[in-house]
Amino acid sequence: MRIDAHQHFWTYKPREYDWIDDSMRALRRDFVPDDLRPELERAGFARSIVVQACHSLEETRWLLRLANGSPFVAGVIGWVDLCSEDLGDQLREFSNHSKFLGVRHVAQSEPDDRFLVKPEFMRGIRALEEFNLTYDILIYPRHLKVARELVERFPRQRFVLDHMAKPPIKSGALEPWATDFRCLAKFPNVFSKVSGLVTEADWRMWRPDHLKPYLDVAFESFGPERLMIGSDWPVCTVAASYSKVMGTIIEFIDKFAGQASEAVLGGTAARVWRLRA
């Protein structure tokens, strides 16, 4: 079963989704399950994982309601305030939902580059371990060393790196991203989404061969068994259609036979989030 491990829904409000700047003005509208379903079907994907897009408990509640009414949505990576004294209450509320699988915080936007290892934030990560929830790491390449510090302290916590830490595809540079990425991949409790790459390339001029050096590093360091395909829809549409994004990754992994290919296309996601068929 093919699973899109990373996509979004939202009802657009400028204040809540202020990261959608003028360059992405086409995203300034609502995106809901009925918009995604035909894209999944055309590309041959059966299920998806929806990921938070703003720091809002209400958005997490809304995503869970959407998931409950949309059988193809296998689960929700929501937001909670990991630094809050009320974190336990928030996690207990959401953990009552069978499709609540994990948590993400947009750490890349925090002014403190060492936000991930702040004591109050790590206290929150410790609570996720108790609730058996994953944590999605959304960072830029400069944060990879700090991410390594974080995961080293929580060997039993499952971490999922979003968008391969956004490598500098547009510039064509590999270092220092590749070295730091490989260091993070040494931790067996860290998985990575093969997602969000086209928006790190030149939106108008990118070609599949621009992505290949970065995909090579990901597959060499993590291996197919710890990688999962994700569209980053609808964000990806500023650079390419859903089918083109997913088709580009599928074409790359065609060289892997059998179980290796199946892992990236859905097996890894099913295992990490313990999804039922």
C-alpha atoms as a PDB file:
ATOM      1  CA  MET A   1       0.000   0.000   0.000  1.00  0.00           C
ATOM      2  CA  ARG A   2       1.431   3.346  -1.066  1.00  0.00           C
ATOM      3  CA  ILE A   3       1.357   6.083   1.574  1.00  0.00           C
ATOM      4  CA  ASP A   4       2.068   9.790   1.096  1.00  0.00           C
ATOM      5  CA  ALA A   5       3.871  10.493   4.370  1.00  0.00           C
ATOM      6  CA  HIS A   6       3.606  14.283   4.289  1.00  0.00           C
ATOM      7  CA  GLN A   7       0.804  16.585   3.149  1.00  0.00           C
ATOM      8  CA  HIS A   8      -1.244  19.471   4.546  1.00  0.00           C
ATOM      9  CA  PHE A   9      -4.781  20.792   4.814  1.00  0.00           C
ATOM     10  CA  TRP A  10      -5.812  24.251   5.919  1.00  0.00           C
ATOM     11  CA  THR A  11      -8.560  26.834   5.851  1.00  0.00           C
ATOM     12  CA  TYR A  12      -6.534  29.852   4.920  1.00  0.00           C
ATOM     13  CA  LYS A  13      -6.274  32.740   7.379  1.00  0.00           C
ATOM     14  CA  PRO A  14      -3.480  35.284   6.778  1.00  0.00           C
ATOM     15  CA  ARG A  15      -2.544  35.648  10.434  1.00  0.00           C
ATOM     16  CA  GLU A  16      -2.361  31.915  11.129  1.00  0.00           C
ATOM     17  CA  TYR A  17      -0.537  31.021   7.913  1.00  0.00           C
ATOM     18  CA  ASP A  18       1.728  34.051   7.643  1.00  0.00           C
ATOM     19  CA  TRP A  19       4.553  31.876   6.293  1.00  0.00           C
ATOM     20  CA  ILE A  20       2.685  31.820   2.956  1.00  0.00           C
ATOM     21  CA  ASP A  21       4.360  34.881   1.475  1.00  0.00           C
ATOM     22  CA  ASP A  22       3.778  36.645  -1.854  1.00  0.00           C
ATOM     23  CA  SER A  23       5.933  34.133  -3.723  1.00  0.00           C
ATOM     24  CA  MET A  24       3.431  31.445  -2.686  1.00  0.00           C
ATOM     25  CA  ARG A  25       0.253  33.462  -3.152  1.00  0.00           C
ATOM     26  CA  ALA A  26      -1.355  30.550  -5.045  1.00  0.00           C
ATOM     27  CA  LEU A  27      -1.535  28.764  -1.681  1.00  0.00           C
ATOM     28  CA  ARG A  28      -3.690  31.495  -0.146  1.00  0.00           C
ATOM     29  CA  ARG A  29      -6.890  29.481  -0.279  1.00  0.00           C
ATOM     30  CA  ASP A  30      -8.417  26.486   1.439  1.00  0.00           C
ATOM     31  CA  PHE A  31      -7.062  22.972   0.845  1.00  0.00           C
ATOM     32  CA  VAL A  32      -9.201  20.080   2.091  1.00  0.00           C
ATOM     33  CA  PRO A  33      -9.471  16.294   1.586  1.00  0.00           C
ATOM     34  CA  ASP A  34     -11.668  16.550  -1.502  1.00  0.00           C
ATOM     35  CA  ASP A  35      -8.839  18.481  -3.191  1.00  0.00           C
ATOM     36  CA  LEU A  36      -6.223  15.829  -2.416  1.00  0.00           C
ATOM     37  CA  ARG A  37      -8.192  12.636  -3.020  1.00  0.00           C
ATOM     38  CA  PRO A  38      -8.071  12.726  -6.850  1.00  0.00           C
ATOM     39  CA  GLU A  39      -4.357  13.576  -6.779  1.00  0.00           C
ATOM     40  CA  LEU A  40      -3.644  10.527  -4.631  1.00  0.00           C
ATOM     41  CA  GLU A  41      -5.708   8.274  -6.859  1.00  0.00           C
ATOM     42  CA  ARG A  42      -4.044   9.472 -10.071  1.00  0.00           C
ATOM     43  CA  ALA A  43      -0.595   8.874  -8.605  1.00  0.00           C
ATOM     44  CA  GLY A  44      -1.506   5.451  -7.218  1.00  0.00           C
ATOM     45  CA  PHE A  45      -1.427   6.296  -3.511  1.00  0.00           C
ATOM     46  CA  ALA A  46      -4.007   4.856  -1.148  1.00  0.00           C
ATOM     47  CA  ARG A  47      -3.402   6.791   2.082  1.00  0.00           C
ATOM     48  CA  SER A  48      -1.708   9.896   3.443  1.00  0.00           C
ATOM     49  CA  ILE A  49      -0.395  11.472   6.628  1.00  0.00           C
ATOM     50  CA  VAL A  50      -1.545  15.052   7.230  1.00  0.00           C
ATOM     51  CA  VAL A  51       0.894  17.353   9.025  1.00  0.00           C
ATOM     52  CA  GLN A  52       0.246  20.548  10.981  1.00  0.00           C
ATOM     53  CA  ALA A  53       0.965  23.863   9.287  1.00  0.00           C
ATOM     54  CA  CYS A  54       0.528  26.346  12.136  1.00  0.00           C
ATOM     55  CA  HIS A  55       1.062  26.387  15.890  1.00  0.00           C
ATOM     56  CA  SER A  56      -2.528  25.924  16.942  1.00  0.00           C
ATOM     57  CA  LEU A  57      -4.331  23.406  19.128  1.00  0.00           C
ATOM     58  CA  GLU A  58      -7.502  24.210  17.229  1.00  0.00           C
ATOM     59  CA  GLU A  59      -5.863  23.302  13.933  1.00  0.00           C
ATOM     60  CA  THR A  60      -4.884  19.933  15.419  1.00  0.00           C
ATOM     61  CA  ARG A  61      -8.480  19.356  16.532  1.00  0.00           C
ATOM     62  CA  TRP A  62      -9.710  20.302  13.043  1.00  0.00           C
ATOM     63  CA  LEU A  63      -7.222  17.971  11.349  1.00  0.00           C
ATOM     64  CA  LEU A  64      -8.371  15.105  13.551  1.00  0.00           C
ATOM     65  CA  ARG A  65     -11.989  15.790  12.637  1.00  0.00           C
ATOM     66  CA  LEU A  66     -11.045  15.785   8.943  1.00  0.00           C
ATOM     67  CA  ALA A  67      -9.100  12.544   9.362  1.00  0.00           C
ATOM     68  CA  ASN A  68     -12.015  10.865  11.103  1.00  0.00           C
ATOM     69  CA  GLY A  69     -14.232  11.734   8.136  1.00  0.00           C
ATOM     70  CA  SER A  70     -11.666  10.831   5.469  1.00  0.00           C
ATOM     71  CA  PRO A  71     -10.739   7.126   5.364  1.00  0.00           C
ATOM     72  CA  PHE A  72      -7.710   7.746   3.155  1.00  0.00           C
ATOM     73  CA  VAL A  73      -6.103   9.954   5.833  1.00  0.00           C
ATOM     74  CA  ALA A  74      -4.183   7.415   7.887  1.00  0.00           C
ATOM     75  CA  GLY A  75      -3.076   9.788  10.596  1.00  0.00           C
ATOM     76  CA  VAL A  76      -2.312  13.275  11.885  1.00  0.00           C
ATOM     77  CA  ILE A  77       0.984  14.843  12.946  1.00  0.00           C
ATOM     78  CA  GLY A  78      -0.370  17.712  14.987  1.00  0.00           C
ATOM     79  CA  TRP A  79       0.920  20.509  17.153  1.00  0.00           C
ATOM     80  CA  VAL A  80       0.985  20.793  20.928  1.00  0.00           C
ATOM     81  CA  ASP A  81       2.888  23.263  23.076  1.00  0.00           C
ATOM     82  CA  LEU A  82       5.842  21.105  24.049  1.00  0.00           C
ATOM     83  CA  CYS A  83       7.103  23.793  26.426  1.00  0.00           C
ATOM     84  CA  SER A  84       3.803  24.193  28.268  1.00  0.00           C
ATOM     85  CA  GLU A  85       3.070  23.172  31.837  1.00  0.00           C
ATOM     86  CA  ASP A  86      -0.263  21.927  30.451  1.00  0.00           C
ATOM     87  CA  LEU A  87       1.356  19.606  27.930  1.00  0.00           C
ATOM     88  CA  GLY A  88       0.109  16.476  29.664  1.00  0.00           C
ATOM     89  CA  ASP A  89      -3.496  17.598  29.353  1.00  0.00           C
ATOM     90  CA  GLN A  90      -3.015  18.422  25.662  1.00  0.00           C
ATOM     91  CA  LEU A  91      -1.470  15.023  24.927  1.00  0.00           C
ATOM     92  CA  ARG A  92      -4.155  13.165  26.853  1.00  0.00           C
ATOM     93  CA  GLU A  93      -6.850  14.953  24.855  1.00  0.00           C
ATOM     94  CA  PHE A  94      -5.353  14.158  21.474  1.00  0.00           C
ATOM     95  CA  SER A  95      -4.161  10.657  22.326  1.00  0.00           C
ATOM     96  CA  ASN A  96      -7.801   9.635  22.667  1.00  0.00           C
ATOM     97  CA  HIS A  97      -7.919   9.858  18.854  1.00  0.00           C
ATOM     98  CA  SER A  98      -6.640   6.725  17.130  1.00  0.00           C
ATOM     99  CA  LYS A  99      -5.309   8.784  14.210  1.00  0.00           C
ATOM    100  CA  PHE A 100      -3.153  11.073  16.337  1.00  0.00           C
ATOM    101  CA  LEU A 101       0.310   9.739  15.526  1.00  0.00           C
ATOM    102  CA  GLY A 102       2.805  12.411  16.435  1.00  0.00           C
ATOM    103  CA  VAL A 103       3.766  16.032  16.946  1.00  0.00           C
ATOM    104  CA  ARG A 104       5.631  18.689  14.984  1.00  0.00           C
ATOM    105  CA  HIS A 105       6.897  22.124  15.950  1.00  0.00           C
ATOM    106  CA  VAL A 106       8.232  24.490  13.263  1.00  0.00           C
ATOM    107  CA  ALA A 107      11.667  24.692  14.874  1.00  0.00           C
ATOM    108  CA  GLN A 108      13.228  26.150  11.719  1.00  0.00           C
ATOM    109  CA  SER A 109      11.444  29.442  12.436  1.00  0.00           C
ATOM    110  CA  GLU A 110      12.565  29.792  16.042  1.00  0.00           C
ATOM    111  CA  PRO A 111      15.015  32.703  16.562  1.00  0.00           C
ATOM    112  CA  ASP A 112      17.134  30.512  18.843  1.00  0.00           C
ATOM    113  CA  ASP A 113      19.082  28.050  16.669  1.00  0.00           C
ATOM    114  CA  ARG A 114      19.450  25.818  19.742  1.00  0.00           C
ATOM    115  CA  PHE A 115      15.729  25.716  20.430  1.00  0.00           C
ATOM    116  CA  LEU A 116      15.590  21.923  20.066  1.00  0.00           C
ATOM    117  CA  VAL A 117      17.802  21.402  23.119  1.00  0.00           C
ATOM    118  CA  LYS A 118      16.217  23.944  25.438  1.00  0.00           C
ATOM    119  CA  PRO A 119      15.420  22.193  28.742  1.00  0.00           C
ATOM    120  CA  GLU A 120      11.695  22.954  28.576  1.00  0.00           C
ATOM    121  CA  PHE A 121      11.477  21.679  24.997  1.00  0.00           C
ATOM    122  CA  MET A 122      13.315  18.463  25.827  1.00  0.00           C
ATOM    123  CA  ARG A 123      10.942  17.978  28.748  1.00  0.00           C
ATOM    124  CA  GLY A 124       8.175  17.968  26.154  1.00  0.00           C
ATOM    125  CA  ILE A 125       9.998  15.430  23.982  1.00  0.00           C
ATOM    126  CA  ARG A 126      10.286  13.177  27.022  1.00  0.00           C
ATOM    127  CA  ALA A 127       6.502  13.312  27.372  1.00  0.00           C
ATOM    128  CA  LEU A 128       6.070  12.200  23.737  1.00  0.00           C
ATOM    129  CA  GLU A 129       8.075   9.096  24.512  1.00  0.00           C
ATOM    130  CA  GLU A 130       5.674   8.313  27.353  1.00  0.00           C
ATOM    131  CA  PHE A 131       2.679   8.664  25.004  1.00  0.00           C
ATOM    132  CA  ASN A 132       4.376   6.624  22.250  1.00  0.00           C
ATOM    133  CA  LEU A 133       4.194   9.496  19.747  1.00  0.00           C
ATOM    134  CA  THR A 134       6.706  10.442  17.064  1.00  0.00           C
ATOM    135  CA  TYR A 135       8.312  13.851  16.709  1.00  0.00           C
ATOM    136  CA  ASP A 136       8.773  15.452  13.268  1.00  0.00           C
ATOM    137  CA  ILE A 137      11.954  17.519  13.028  1.00  0.00           C
ATOM    138  CA  LEU A 138      11.470  20.517  10.721  1.00  0.00           C
ATOM    139  CA  ILE A 139      14.776  22.360  10.390  1.00  0.00           C
ATOM    140  CA  TYR A 140      17.241  23.957   8.015  1.00  0.00           C
ATOM    141  CA  PRO A 141      20.700  22.471   7.361  1.00  0.00           C
ATOM    142  CA  ARG A 142      22.301  24.773   9.938  1.00  0.00           C
ATOM    143  CA  HIS A 143      20.247  23.053  12.650  1.00  0.00           C
ATOM    144  CA  LEU A 144      21.389  19.492  11.877  1.00  0.00           C
ATOM    145  CA  LYS A 145      24.112  19.465  14.530  1.00  0.00           C
ATOM    146  CA  VAL A 146      21.615  20.562  17.191  1.00  0.00           C
ATOM    147  CA  ALA A 147      19.148  17.918  15.982  1.00  0.00           C
ATOM    148  CA  ARG A 148      21.861  15.340  16.523  1.00  0.00           C
ATOM    149  CA  GLU A 149      22.276  16.551  20.106  1.00  0.00           C
ATOM    150  CA  LEU A 150      18.543  16.137  20.622  1.00  0.00           C
ATOM    151  CA  VAL A 151      18.171  12.617  19.277  1.00  0.00           C
ATOM    152  CA  GLU A 152      21.307  11.451  21.084  1.00  0.00           C
ATOM    153  CA  ARG A 153      19.561  12.238  24.375  1.00  0.00           C
ATOM    154  CA  PHE A 154      16.414  10.268  23.523  1.00  0.00           C
ATOM    155  CA  PRO A 155      17.449   6.890  22.082  1.00  0.00           C
ATOM    156  CA  ARG A 156      13.970   5.365  22.529  1.00  0.00           C
ATOM    157  CA  GLN A 157      12.057   8.244  20.941  1.00  0.00           C
ATOM    158  CA  ARG A 158      11.138   7.889  17.254  1.00  0.00           C
ATOM    159  CA  PHE A 159      12.117  10.980  15.257  1.00  0.00           C
ATOM    160  CA  VAL A 160      11.130  11.763  11.663  1.00  0.00           C
ATOM    161  CA  LEU A 161      13.199  14.319   9.764  1.00  0.00           C
ATOM    162  CA  ASP A 162      11.047  16.400   7.434  1.00  0.00           C
ATOM    163  CA  HIS A 163      12.208  17.238   3.891  1.00  0.00           C
ATOM    164  CA  MET A 164      15.721  15.820   4.443  1.00  0.00           C
ATOM    165  CA  ALA A 165      16.445  19.034   6.419  1.00  0.00           C
ATOM    166  CA  LYS A 166      15.896  21.151   3.299  1.00  0.00           C
ATOM    167  CA  PRO A 167      19.197  20.706   1.430  1.00  0.00           C
ATOM    168  CA  PRO A 168      20.455  23.652  -0.664  1.00  0.00           C
ATOM    169  CA  ILE A 169      19.369  22.207  -4.001  1.00  0.00           C
ATOM    170  CA  LYS A 170      18.995  25.555  -5.742  1.00  0.00           C
ATOM    171  CA  SER A 171      22.674  26.397  -5.184  1.00  0.00           C
ATOM    172  CA  GLY A 172      23.868  22.871  -5.955  1.00  0.00           C
ATOM    173  CA  ALA A 173      26.021  22.754  -2.816  1.00  0.00           C
ATOM    174  CA  LEU A 174      26.269  19.467  -0.935  1.00  0.00           C
ATOM    175  CA  GLU A 175      28.378  20.504   2.034  1.00  0.00           C
ATOM    176  CA  PRO A 176      28.098  20.953   4.923  1.00  0.00           C
ATOM    177  CA  TRP A 177      24.543  19.550   4.588  1.00  0.00           C
ATOM    178  CA  ALA A 178      25.690  16.090   3.469  1.00  0.00           C
ATOM    179  CA  THR A 179      28.167  15.566   6.312  1.00  0.00           C
ATOM    180  CA  ASP A 180      25.735  16.713   8.998  1.00  0.00           C
ATOM    181  CA  PHE A 181      22.879  14.747   7.423  1.00  0.00           C
ATOM    182  CA  ARG A 182      24.959  11.559   7.452  1.00  0.00           C
ATOM    183  CA  CYS A 183      25.835  12.123  11.106  1.00  0.00           C
ATOM    184  CA  LEU A 184      22.154  12.348  12.029  1.00  0.00           C
ATOM    185  CA  ALA A 185      21.401   9.212  10.001  1.00  0.00           C
ATOM    186  CA  LYS A 186      23.701   7.174  12.267  1.00  0.00           C
ATOM    187  CA  PHE A 187      20.979   7.134  14.918  1.00  0.00           C
ATOM    188  CA  PRO A 188      18.648   4.173  14.252  1.00  0.00           C
ATOM    189  CA  ASN A 189      15.663   5.898  15.886  1.00  0.00           C
ATOM    190  CA  VAL A 190      15.690   8.643  13.202  1.00  0.00           C
ATOM    191  CA  PHE A 191      13.795   8.297   9.926  1.00  0.00           C
ATOM    192  CA  SER A 192      13.592  10.771   7.052  1.00  0.00           C
ATOM    193  CA  LYS A 193      10.907  11.859   4.656  1.00  0.00           C
ATOM    194  CA  VAL A 194      11.900  12.149   1.019  1.00  0.00           C
ATOM    195  CA  SER A 195       9.741  15.221   0.608  1.00  0.00           C
ATOM    196  CA  GLY A 196       9.800  18.964   0.044  1.00  0.00           C
ATOM    197  CA  LEU A 197      12.737  18.836  -2.361  1.00  0.00           C
ATOM    198  CA  VAL A 198      11.264  20.642  -5.362  1.00  0.00           C
ATOM    199  CA  THR A 199      10.620  23.747  -3.280  1.00  0.00           C
ATOM    200  CA  GLU A 200      14.295  23.814  -2.286  1.00  0.00           C
ATOM    201  CA  ALA A 201      15.236  23.809  -5.983  1.00  0.00           C
ATOM    202  CA  ASP A 202      14.675  26.549  -8.539  1.00  0.00           C
ATOM    203  CA  TRP A 203      10.878  26.441  -8.818  1.00  0.00           C
ATOM    204  CA  ARG A 204      10.806  27.201 -12.535  1.00  0.00           C
ATOM    205  CA  MET A 205      14.001  25.587 -13.789  1.00  0.00           C
ATOM    206  CA  TRP A 206      14.499  22.435 -11.690  1.00  0.00           C
ATOM    207  CA  ARG A 207      15.071  19.045 -13.289  1.00  0.00           C
ATOM    208  CA  PRO A 208      15.139  15.569 -11.698  1.00  0.00           C
ATOM    209  CA  ASP A 209      18.928  15.425 -12.038  1.00  0.00           C
ATOM    210  CA  HIS A 210      19.167  18.462  -9.730  1.00  0.00           C
ATOM    211  CA  LEU A 211      17.666  16.327  -6.951  1.00  0.00           C
ATOM    212  CA  LYS A 212      19.728  13.187  -7.600  1.00  0.00           C
ATOM    213  CA  PRO A 213      22.911  14.074  -5.617  1.00  0.00           C
ATOM    214  CA  TYR A 214      20.819  14.748  -2.516  1.00  0.00           C
ATOM    215  CA  LEU A 215      18.721  11.611  -2.974  1.00  0.00           C
ATOM    216  CA  ASP A 216      21.935   9.604  -3.361  1.00  0.00           C
ATOM    217  CA  VAL A 217      23.146  10.881   0.018  1.00  0.00           C
ATOM    218  CA  ALA A 218      19.800  10.091   1.656  1.00  0.00           C
ATOM    219  CA  PHE A 219      19.648   6.534   0.344  1.00  0.00           C
ATOM    220  CA  GLU A 220      23.299   5.845   1.140  1.00  0.00           C
ATOM    221  CA  SER A 221      23.029   7.111   4.722  1.00  0.00           C
ATOM    222  CA  PHE A 222      19.530   6.106   5.831  1.00  0.00           C
ATOM    223  CA  GLY A 223      18.841   3.203   3.488  1.00  0.00           C
ATOM    224  CA  PRO A 224      15.373   2.606   2.006  1.00  0.00           C
ATOM    225  CA  GLU A 225      14.149   0.990   5.224  1.00  0.00           C
ATOM    226  CA  ARG A 226      14.317   4.356   7.052  1.00  0.00           C
ATOM    227  CA  LEU A 227      13.027   6.591   4.252  1.00  0.00           C
ATOM    228  CA  MET A 228       9.443   7.445   3.294  1.00  0.00           C
ATOM    229  CA  ILE A 229       8.045   9.323   0.322  1.00  0.00           C
ATOM    230  CA  GLY A 230       6.047  12.500   0.900  1.00  0.00           C
ATOM    231  CA  SER A 231       4.539  15.056  -1.456  1.00  0.00           C
ATOM    232  CA  ASP A 232       4.429  18.149   0.771  1.00  0.00           C
ATOM    233  CA  TRP A 233       1.177  18.939  -1.062  1.00  0.00           C
ATOM    234  CA  PRO A 234      -0.101  21.610  -1.577  1.00  0.00           C
ATOM    235  CA  VAL A 235       3.161  23.472  -0.887  1.00  0.00           C
ATOM    236  CA  CYS A 236       4.870  21.489  -3.648  1.00  0.00           C
ATOM    237  CA  THR A 237       2.492  22.924  -6.247  1.00  0.00           C
ATOM    238  CA  VAL A 238       4.439  26.196  -6.368  1.00  0.00           C
ATOM    239  CA  ALA A 239       7.119  24.192  -8.190  1.00  0.00           C
ATOM    240  CA  ALA A 240       5.396  21.131  -9.685  1.00  0.00           C
ATOM    241  CA  SER A 241       2.194  19.138  -9.803  1.00  0.00           C
ATOM    242  CA  TYR A 242       1.505  16.382  -7.297  1.00  0.00           C
ATOM    243  CA  SER A 243       2.003  13.702  -9.962  1.00  0.00           C
ATOM    244  CA  LYS A 244       5.326  15.160 -11.116  1.00  0.00           C
ATOM    245  CA  VAL A 245       6.683  15.419  -7.572  1.00  0.00           C
ATOM    246  CA  MET A 246       5.794  11.843  -6.699  1.00  0.00           C
ATOM    247  CA  GLY A 247       6.721  10.515 -10.131  1.00  0.00           C
ATOM    248  CA  THR A 248      10.207  12.010  -9.864  1.00  0.00           C
ATOM    249  CA  ILE A 249      10.897  10.186  -6.595  1.00  0.00           C
ATOM    250  CA  ILE A 250       9.332   6.955  -7.851  1.00  0.00           C
ATOM    251  CA  GLU A 251      11.531   7.045 -10.944  1.00  0.00           C
ATOM    252  CA  PHE A 252      14.613   7.447  -8.736  1.00  0.00           C
ATOM    253  CA  ILE A 253      13.740   4.456  -6.551  1.00  0.00           C
ATOM    254  CA  ASP A 254      12.888   2.203  -9.475  1.00  0.00           C
ATOM    255  CA  LYS A 255      16.482   0.957  -9.296  1.00  0.00           C
ATOM    256  CA  PHE A 256      15.689  -0.568  -5.926  1.00  0.00           C
ATOM    257  CA  ALA A 257      13.918  -3.884  -6.228  1.00  0.00           C
ATOM    258  CA  GLY A 258      11.143  -5.415  -4.176  1.00  0.00           C
ATOM    259  CA  GLN A 259      11.108  -4.692  -0.462  1.00  0.00           C
ATOM    260  CA  ALA A 260      13.458  -1.696  -0.680  1.00  0.00           C
ATOM    261  CA  SER A 261      11.154   0.161  -3.047  1.00  0.00           C
ATOM    262  CA  GLU A 262       8.069  -0.898  -1.083  1.00  0.00           C
ATOM    263  CA  ALA A 263       9.608   0.503   2.108  1.00  0.00           C
ATOM    264  CA  VAL A 264      10.002   4.015   0.708  1.00  0.00           C
ATOM    265  CA  LEU A 265       6.568   3.962  -0.943  1.00  0.00           C
ATOM    266  CA  GLY A 266       4.694   3.005   2.196  1.00  0.00           C
ATOM    267  CA  GLY A 267       6.295   0.265   4.256  1.00  0.00           C
ATOM    268  CA  THR A 268       8.472   2.568   6.346  1.00  0.00           C
ATOM    269  CA  ALA A 269       5.547   4.882   7.138  1.00  0.00           C
ATOM    270  CA  ALA A 270       3.357   1.920   8.103  1.00  0.00           C
ATOM    271  CA  ARG A 271       6.066   0.598  10.426  1.00  0.00           C
ATOM    272  CA  VAL A 272       7.025   3.924  12.022  1.00  0.00           C
ATOM    273  CA  TRP A 273       3.415   4.884  12.767  1.00  0.00           C
ATOM    274  CA  ARG A 274       2.171   1.306  13.251  1.00  0.00           C
ATOM    275  CA  LEU A 275      -0.577   1.697  10.694  1.00  0.00           C
ATOM    276  CA  ARG A 276      -3.058  -1.043  10.066  1.00  0.00           C
ATOM    277  CA  ALA A 277      -3.640  -2.205   6.506  1.00  0.00           C
END
